Amino acid sequence: MSVYVGIDVHRKRSQVAVVDQVGEVQVNRNVVNGVAPILKVIGDLPIGTPVAFEAAFGWGWLVELLEDYGYDPHLVHPLRCKAIASARLKNDKVDAATLAQLLRADLLPEAWIAPPAVRALRALLRHRIALVRVRTQLGNRIHAVLADHGLDRAGGFRSGVGRAWLAELSLPPVSRTVIDDSLAVIDGLQPTIDRLDVEVAQRAKADPRVQVLTRLPGVGPFTALVILAEIGDITRFRNARTLASWAGLTPTVRGSDLVVRHGHISKQGSAWLRWILIEAAQTAKRSAVFAPSYQAIARRRGKKIATTAVARKLLARAYHLLADADGTADLKNPTAHSRAVPADRTRPEGREVTKPRASSQNRMSRPRATR
């Protein structure tokens, strides 16, 4: 008998529901997050059992667990799961059971599960971006303190001359403390950022698709690597418009009868991808390729909308470049494609197994009451 599993994932605990092929709920239990507690509920189920869970906070460990033990993970798009969002009775037990029922009926709005290599690259790049943002915030704080005293320096304060200028200023004790502490944190962050820059540069040099994307105006190696990491497998998008919609760079549409209203961009999808494209568009809009269209849109709709339009055009061109590169053998990067699931669904060697699994035949024949 086929079974289906729905898991409502939270930070510390998760609700696990198991339904059979006719829709009867067999198990609905709340457990602590971890390998042993989850396997205590689903460990006796056959290898290849489908498991659905929403893309909530911290779902990576669950994907690794399910793949290691031979289950079939299905990541659910939380904003599109209307059966859960619009339910009158909404709690963890209901949500987990609803996920399992939607999985059984093949009605899940699924999201792509990036392979481990892509998830690792995303984590590395986002970590570097976060540290640079902290450094920028501290720099802005120093400028704000100086502005309170009517002081500023056009050349900044990161150079030796700028630091010497700051040291010579006569400031109140509190203002001096804020500036010195901010500079100390900036100096502490810099070696880590430099180390990450070296690693990012090595990864960019090793990926031939980066060289393909850097043909675009405003796109350097770091920007190209972020685009690749956030998009992942380019073949999962039918065309450039589908990719732009996934990135949240297409306008929302509200239509009824003959009236159609176009709103702002949806901003659904990867916020990191939208951010890096907007940053690239700040430079690309001044290039000969995009300047005419940018200026035309800016006159009609304003500079912000025009910059967003350039970002979407950049993404469309990136799609065509990557699609062409994906069809070329020497430019194809196997780490960017979907995870490969072995036919026999065996676990990788060298990984510790905390709970031995019996054969599928024995599990199938075991009575439900013993679980």
Protein backbone atom coordinates (compact mmCIF):
# COMPACT_ATOMS: atom_id res chain seq x y z
CA MET A 1 0.00 0.00 0.00
CA SER A 2 1.37 3.43 -0.94
CA VAL A 3 1.82 6.02 1.78
CA TYR A 4 2.48 9.75 1.68
CA VAL A 5 4.14 11.96 4.28
CA GLY A 6 3.62 15.64 5.07
CA ILE A 7 5.92 17.49 7.47
CA ASP A 8 5.18 20.93 8.93
CA VAL A 9 8.72 22.10 9.72
CA HIS A 10 9.55 24.56 12.49
CA ARG A 11 12.79 25.67 14.08
CA LYS A 12 12.76 23.25 17.03
CA ARG A 13 9.94 20.79 16.37
CA SER A 14 8.05 19.43 13.38
CA GLN A 15 4.66 17.85 12.82
CA VAL A 16 4.80 14.61 10.82
CA ALA A 17 1.67 13.18 9.18
CA VAL A 18 1.38 9.91 7.25
CA VAL A 19 -1.63 9.13 5.05
CA ASP A 20 -2.35 6.00 3.02
CA GLN A 21 -3.40 5.76 -0.61
CA VAL A 22 -7.09 6.25 0.20
CA GLY A 23 -6.44 9.38 2.25
CA GLU A 24 -6.76 7.97 5.75
CA VAL A 25 -4.41 9.57 8.28
CA GLN A 26 -2.31 6.81 9.84
CA VAL A 27 0.06 8.90 11.96
CA ASN A 28 0.13 12.56 12.96
CA ARG A 29 2.81 13.22 15.54
CA ASN A 30 4.82 16.19 16.81
CA VAL A 31 8.54 15.45 17.24
CA VAL A 32 11.77 17.27 18.03
CA ASN A 33 13.86 18.09 14.97
CA GLY A 34 16.61 15.57 14.38
CA VAL A 35 17.47 12.33 12.61
CA ALA A 36 16.38 9.90 15.32
CA PRO A 37 12.98 11.52 16.15
CA ILE A 38 11.99 11.83 12.48
CA LEU A 39 13.04 8.27 11.71
CA LYS A 40 11.08 7.03 14.71
CA VAL A 41 7.93 8.11 12.85
CA ILE A 42 8.79 7.40 9.20
CA GLY A 43 11.72 5.01 9.49
CA ASP A 44 9.59 1.95 8.79
CA LEU A 45 8.13 3.32 5.56
CA PRO A 46 9.28 1.92 2.20
CA ILE A 47 12.25 3.39 0.40
CA GLY A 48 11.07 5.94 -2.17
CA THR A 49 8.14 7.16 -0.05
CA PRO A 50 7.32 10.75 -1.10
CA VAL A 51 7.63 13.39 1.63
CA ALA A 52 6.27 16.95 1.30
CA PHE A 53 7.32 19.95 3.40
CA GLU A 54 7.14 23.71 3.01
CA ALA A 55 10.14 25.91 2.26
CA ALA A 56 10.26 27.19 5.82
CA PHE A 57 13.20 28.37 7.93
CA GLY A 58 16.00 25.81 7.99
CA TRP A 59 14.78 23.02 5.70
CA GLY A 60 18.20 21.96 4.38
CA TRP A 61 18.84 19.38 7.10
CA LEU A 62 15.52 17.67 6.31
CA VAL A 63 16.39 17.33 2.61
CA GLU A 64 19.71 15.71 3.49
CA LEU A 65 18.02 13.33 5.93
CA LEU A 66 15.36 12.26 3.45
CA GLU A 67 17.82 11.78 0.60
CA ASP A 68 20.25 9.82 2.79
CA TYR A 69 17.53 7.38 3.84
CA GLY A 70 16.08 6.90 0.38
CA TYR A 71 12.91 9.00 0.60
CA ASP A 72 11.63 11.29 -2.15
CA PRO A 73 11.58 14.92 -0.87
CA HIS A 74 9.13 17.46 -2.31
CA LEU A 75 9.66 21.12 -1.43
CA VAL A 76 6.40 23.09 -1.35
CA HIS A 77 6.08 26.74 -2.34
CA PRO A 78 4.48 28.28 0.79
CA LEU A 79 2.89 31.28 -0.96
CA ARG A 80 1.10 29.06 -3.48
CA CYS A 81 -0.24 26.47 -1.09
CA LYS A 82 -3.72 27.97 -0.81
CA ALA A 83 -5.19 24.86 0.80
CA ILE A 84 -3.13 25.69 3.91
CA ALA A 85 -3.17 29.48 3.79
CA SER A 86 -6.96 29.76 3.37
CA ALA A 87 -7.97 27.01 5.78
CA ARG A 88 -10.40 27.97 8.54
CA LEU A 89 -8.85 25.54 10.99
CA LYS A 90 -5.12 26.00 10.82
CA ASN A 91 -2.65 24.28 13.12
CA ASP A 92 0.38 22.06 12.76
CA LYS A 93 -1.59 18.80 12.64
CA VAL A 94 -3.92 20.10 9.95
CA ASP A 95 -1.07 21.61 7.92
CA ALA A 96 0.99 18.41 7.95
CA ALA A 97 -2.00 16.28 6.98
CA THR A 98 -2.95 18.74 4.22
CA LEU A 99 0.55 18.51 2.74
CA ALA A 100 0.31 14.74 2.70
CA GLN A 101 -3.15 14.82 1.08
CA LEU A 102 -2.01 17.28 -1.60
CA LEU A 103 0.98 15.06 -2.28
CA ARG A 104 -1.29 12.05 -2.62
CA ALA A 105 -3.52 13.95 -5.07
CA ASP A 106 -0.52 15.31 -7.02
CA LEU A 107 -1.65 18.90 -6.37
CA LEU A 108 1.47 20.26 -4.67
CA PRO A 109 2.87 23.62 -5.87
CA GLU A 110 6.47 22.43 -5.77
CA ALA A 111 9.66 24.45 -5.63
CA TRP A 112 13.02 23.36 -6.98
CA ILE A 113 15.41 21.72 -4.53
CA ALA A 114 18.88 22.95 -5.36
CA PRO A 115 21.64 20.32 -5.21
CA PRO A 116 24.15 20.53 -2.32
CA ALA A 117 26.85 22.19 -4.45
CA VAL A 118 24.51 25.04 -5.41
CA ARG A 119 23.26 25.46 -1.84
CA ALA A 120 26.85 25.65 -0.60
CA LEU A 121 27.75 28.29 -3.19
CA ARG A 122 24.68 30.33 -2.26
CA ALA A 123 25.63 30.20 1.42
CA LEU A 124 29.19 31.33 0.68
CA LEU A 125 28.15 34.27 -1.51
CA ARG A 126 25.38 35.39 0.83
CA HIS A 127 27.81 35.26 3.75
CA ARG A 128 30.22 37.54 1.90
CA ILE A 129 27.42 39.93 0.94
CA ALA A 130 26.19 40.08 4.56
CA LEU A 131 29.65 40.94 5.89
CA VAL A 132 30.12 43.69 3.29
CA ARG A 133 26.72 45.12 4.26
CA VAL A 134 27.78 45.24 7.91
CA ARG A 135 30.97 47.06 6.91
CA THR A 136 28.93 49.53 4.87
CA GLN A 137 26.52 50.15 7.76
CA LEU A 138 29.39 50.90 10.10
CA GLY A 139 30.89 53.28 7.54
CA ASN A 140 27.57 55.06 7.24
CA ARG A 141 27.39 55.33 11.02
CA ILE A 142 30.77 57.09 11.05
CA HIS A 143 29.57 59.51 8.37
CA ALA A 144 26.44 60.20 10.44
CA VAL A 145 28.49 60.99 13.54
CA LEU A 146 30.70 63.35 11.55
CA ALA A 147 27.66 64.99 9.97
CA ASP A 148 26.31 65.80 13.45
CA HIS A 149 29.41 67.94 13.94
CA GLY A 150 29.34 69.47 10.48
CA LEU A 151 32.32 67.44 9.31
CA ASP A 152 32.90 65.30 6.23
CA ARG A 153 35.68 64.21 3.93
CA ALA A 154 35.11 63.59 0.25
CA GLY A 155 37.85 60.98 0.05
CA GLY A 156 36.38 58.86 2.83
CA PHE A 157 38.32 57.43 5.76
CA ARG A 158 39.35 53.92 4.67
CA SER A 159 42.77 55.03 3.41
CA GLY A 160 45.71 55.96 5.58
CA VAL A 161 45.15 59.65 4.91
CA GLY A 162 41.50 59.33 5.90
CA ARG A 163 42.34 57.52 9.14
CA ALA A 164 44.88 60.19 10.02
CA TRP A 165 42.28 62.89 9.35
CA LEU A 166 39.82 61.13 11.69
CA ALA A 167 42.43 60.78 14.43
CA GLU A 168 43.17 64.50 14.40
CA LEU A 169 39.54 65.57 14.84
CA SER A 170 38.50 67.10 18.14
CA LEU A 171 35.29 65.25 19.02
CA PRO A 172 33.24 64.68 22.18
CA PRO A 173 34.06 61.43 24.05
CA VAL A 174 30.90 59.60 22.97
CA SER A 175 31.37 60.48 19.30
CA ARG A 176 35.00 59.41 19.47
CA THR A 177 33.96 56.09 21.05
CA VAL A 178 31.40 55.39 18.30
CA ILE A 179 33.94 56.12 15.57
CA ASP A 180 36.76 54.11 17.15
CA ASP A 181 34.52 51.10 17.85
CA SER A 182 33.14 51.17 14.31
CA LEU A 183 36.64 51.33 12.86
CA ALA A 184 37.73 48.42 15.04
CA VAL A 185 34.88 46.24 13.77
CA ILE A 186 35.59 47.26 10.16
CA ASP A 187 39.25 46.32 10.60
CA GLY A 188 38.21 43.00 12.13
CA LEU A 189 35.90 42.20 9.22
CA GLN A 190 38.38 43.08 6.49
CA PRO A 191 40.62 39.95 6.70
CA THR A 192 37.55 37.69 6.52
CA ILE A 193 36.16 39.58 3.54
CA ASP A 194 39.54 39.41 1.81
CA ARG A 195 39.71 35.64 2.36
CA LEU A 196 36.21 35.20 0.97
CA ASP A 197 37.09 37.34 -2.04
CA VAL A 198 40.00 35.03 -2.84
CA GLU A 199 37.77 31.95 -2.62
CA VAL A 200 35.05 33.58 -4.71
CA ALA A 201 37.61 34.59 -7.34
CA GLN A 202 38.87 31.00 -7.53
CA ARG A 203 35.36 29.65 -7.98
CA ALA A 204 34.58 32.25 -10.63
CA LYS A 205 37.76 31.41 -12.54
CA ALA A 206 36.93 27.69 -12.48
CA ASP A 207 33.40 28.15 -13.86
CA PRO A 208 33.37 28.90 -17.63
CA ARG A 209 29.81 30.20 -17.40
CA VAL A 210 31.15 33.19 -15.45
CA GLN A 211 33.16 34.25 -18.49
CA VAL A 212 30.00 33.95 -20.58
CA LEU A 213 27.99 36.25 -18.28
CA THR A 214 30.73 38.85 -17.94
CA ARG A 215 30.10 39.76 -21.57
CA LEU A 216 27.09 41.67 -20.28
CA PRO A 217 27.63 45.32 -19.28
CA GLY A 218 27.71 45.82 -15.52
CA VAL A 219 28.35 42.13 -14.78
CA GLY A 220 31.67 41.21 -13.21
CA PRO A 221 32.85 37.82 -11.91
CA PHE A 222 31.19 38.20 -8.49
CA THR A 223 27.89 39.34 -9.98
CA ALA A 224 27.98 36.49 -12.49
CA LEU A 225 28.63 33.95 -9.74
CA VAL A 226 25.70 35.23 -7.69
CA ILE A 227 23.42 34.99 -10.73
CA LEU A 228 24.54 31.42 -11.37
CA ALA A 229 24.12 30.38 -7.75
CA GLU A 230 20.63 31.84 -7.40
CA ILE A 231 19.33 30.55 -10.74
CA GLY A 232 20.88 27.09 -10.47
CA ASP A 233 19.75 24.89 -13.35
CA ILE A 234 18.86 27.14 -16.28
CA THR A 235 17.06 24.30 -18.09
CA ARG A 236 14.19 24.36 -15.59
CA PHE A 237 12.97 27.63 -17.17
CA ARG A 238 11.12 27.48 -20.49
CA ASN A 239 12.15 30.95 -21.60
CA ALA A 240 13.48 34.30 -20.39
CA ARG A 241 10.02 35.51 -19.40
CA THR A 242 9.55 32.52 -17.09
CA LEU A 243 12.89 33.25 -15.44
CA ALA A 244 12.01 36.94 -14.98
CA SER A 245 8.70 35.95 -13.41
CA TRP A 246 10.46 33.51 -11.06
CA ALA A 247 12.88 36.28 -10.06
CA GLY A 248 10.00 38.62 -9.20
CA LEU A 249 10.92 41.18 -11.87
CA THR A 250 7.60 41.08 -13.76
CA PRO A 251 4.64 43.31 -12.87
CA THR A 252 1.59 41.99 -11.10
CA VAL A 253 -1.55 41.82 -13.24
CA ARG A 254 -5.12 42.26 -12.01
CA GLY A 255 -7.73 41.73 -14.70
CA SER A 256 -11.50 41.45 -14.74
CA ASP A 257 -13.63 41.43 -17.87
CA LEU A 258 -12.05 44.03 -20.18
CA VAL A 259 -10.18 45.91 -17.44
CA VAL A 260 -6.54 44.98 -16.87
CA ARG A 261 -4.33 46.74 -14.34
CA HIS A 262 -0.56 46.29 -14.16
CA GLY A 263 1.03 46.94 -10.79
CA HIS A 264 4.53 46.94 -9.38
CA ILE A 265 6.86 43.97 -9.73
CA SER A 266 5.83 40.97 -7.67
CA LYS A 267 9.14 40.71 -5.71
CA GLN A 268 8.54 36.99 -5.30
CA GLY A 269 11.50 34.70 -5.73
CA SER A 270 15.15 35.23 -4.86
CA ALA A 271 15.69 38.62 -3.24
CA TRP A 272 19.43 38.10 -3.68
CA LEU A 273 19.05 37.73 -7.45
CA ARG A 274 16.93 40.88 -7.72
CA TRP A 275 19.42 42.81 -5.62
CA ILE A 276 22.47 41.81 -7.66
CA LEU A 277 20.64 42.55 -10.94
CA ILE A 278 19.64 46.02 -9.71
CA GLU A 279 23.26 46.64 -8.71
CA ALA A 280 24.43 45.56 -12.16
CA ALA A 281 21.76 47.69 -13.80
CA GLN A 282 23.18 50.81 -12.14
CA THR A 283 26.23 50.41 -14.39
CA ALA A 284 24.53 48.78 -17.38
CA LYS A 285 22.05 51.64 -17.81
CA ARG A 286 24.93 53.90 -18.83
CA SER A 287 26.20 51.51 -21.50
CA ALA A 288 25.47 51.95 -25.19
CA VAL A 289 23.37 48.78 -25.16
CA PHE A 290 20.84 49.84 -22.52
CA ALA A 291 21.14 53.64 -22.33
CA PRO A 292 18.52 54.45 -25.04
CA SER A 293 15.81 52.24 -23.53
CA TYR A 294 16.68 53.38 -20.00
CA GLN A 295 16.37 57.04 -20.91
CA ALA A 296 13.11 56.48 -22.76
CA ILE A 297 11.53 54.63 -19.80
CA ALA A 298 12.96 57.11 -17.28
CA ARG A 299 11.24 60.00 -19.05
CA ARG A 300 7.89 58.22 -18.95
CA ARG A 301 7.99 56.25 -15.68
CA GLY A 302 10.90 57.53 -13.61
CA LYS A 303 14.45 56.39 -12.93
CA LYS A 304 13.63 53.60 -10.47
CA ILE A 305 11.26 51.82 -12.83
CA ALA A 306 13.70 52.34 -15.68
CA THR A 307 16.52 50.76 -13.65
CA THR A 308 14.30 47.79 -12.83
CA ALA A 309 13.52 47.43 -16.54
CA VAL A 310 17.23 47.32 -17.31
CA ALA A 311 17.68 44.66 -14.61
CA ARG A 312 15.02 42.54 -16.29
CA LYS A 313 16.67 43.01 -19.69
CA LEU A 314 19.97 41.92 -18.16
CA LEU A 315 18.35 38.78 -16.78
CA ALA A 316 16.78 38.00 -20.16
CA ARG A 317 20.14 38.29 -21.89
CA ALA A 318 21.74 36.19 -19.16
CA TYR A 319 19.13 33.49 -19.78
CA HIS A 320 19.93 33.28 -23.49
CA LEU A 321 23.68 33.23 -22.83
CA LEU A 322 23.33 30.46 -20.24
CA ALA A 323 20.88 28.49 -22.38
CA ASP A 324 23.32 28.55 -25.27
CA ALA A 325 26.22 27.66 -22.97
CA ASP A 326 24.23 24.80 -21.45
CA GLY A 327 23.94 23.21 -24.88
CA THR A 328 27.71 23.34 -25.32
CA ALA A 329 29.51 20.42 -23.72
CA ASP A 330 32.66 22.27 -22.69
CA LEU A 331 30.66 25.01 -20.92
CA LYS A 332 28.28 22.74 -19.10
CA ASN A 333 28.57 22.69 -15.32
CA PRO A 334 27.17 19.48 -13.86
CA THR A 335 26.90 20.94 -10.35
CA ALA A 336 24.23 23.37 -11.49
CA HIS A 337 21.73 20.73 -12.52
CA SER A 338 19.13 18.97 -10.49
CA ARG A 339 20.16 16.36 -7.99
CA ALA A 340 20.57 12.93 -9.50
CA VAL A 341 18.62 10.24 -7.71
CA PRO A 342 20.08 6.75 -8.09
CA ALA A 343 17.76 4.09 -9.39
CA ASP A 344 18.36 1.88 -6.34
CA ARG A 345 18.26 4.91 -3.99
CA THR A 346 21.21 3.68 -1.96
CA ARG A 347 22.77 5.91 0.65
CA PRO A 348 26.17 7.53 0.06
CA GLU A 349 29.15 5.71 1.45
CA GLY A 350 30.90 7.02 4.50
CA ARG A 351 27.82 8.63 6.11
CA GLU A 352 26.94 7.49 9.58
CA VAL A 353 23.60 5.74 9.86
CA THR A 354 22.00 6.32 13.23
CA LYS A 355 19.19 3.83 12.71
CA PRO A 356 19.54 0.67 10.60
CA ARG A 357 16.72 0.09 8.17
CA ALA A 358 15.11 -3.25 7.54
CA SER A 359 14.35 -4.43 4.02
CA SER A 360 11.42 -2.88 2.23
CA GLN A 361 9.63 -6.22 2.17
CA ASN A 362 9.73 -6.62 5.94
CA ARG A 363 8.58 -3.05 6.51
CA MET A 364 5.67 -3.43 4.12
CA SER A 365 4.49 -6.58 5.88
CA ARG A 366 4.81 -5.10 9.38
CA PRO A 367 1.41 -4.26 10.97
CA ARG A 368 0.55 -0.59 11.30
CA ALA A 369 -0.09 -0.94 15.05
CA THR A 370 3.54 -1.76 15.76
CA ARG A 371 4.77 1.62 14.56
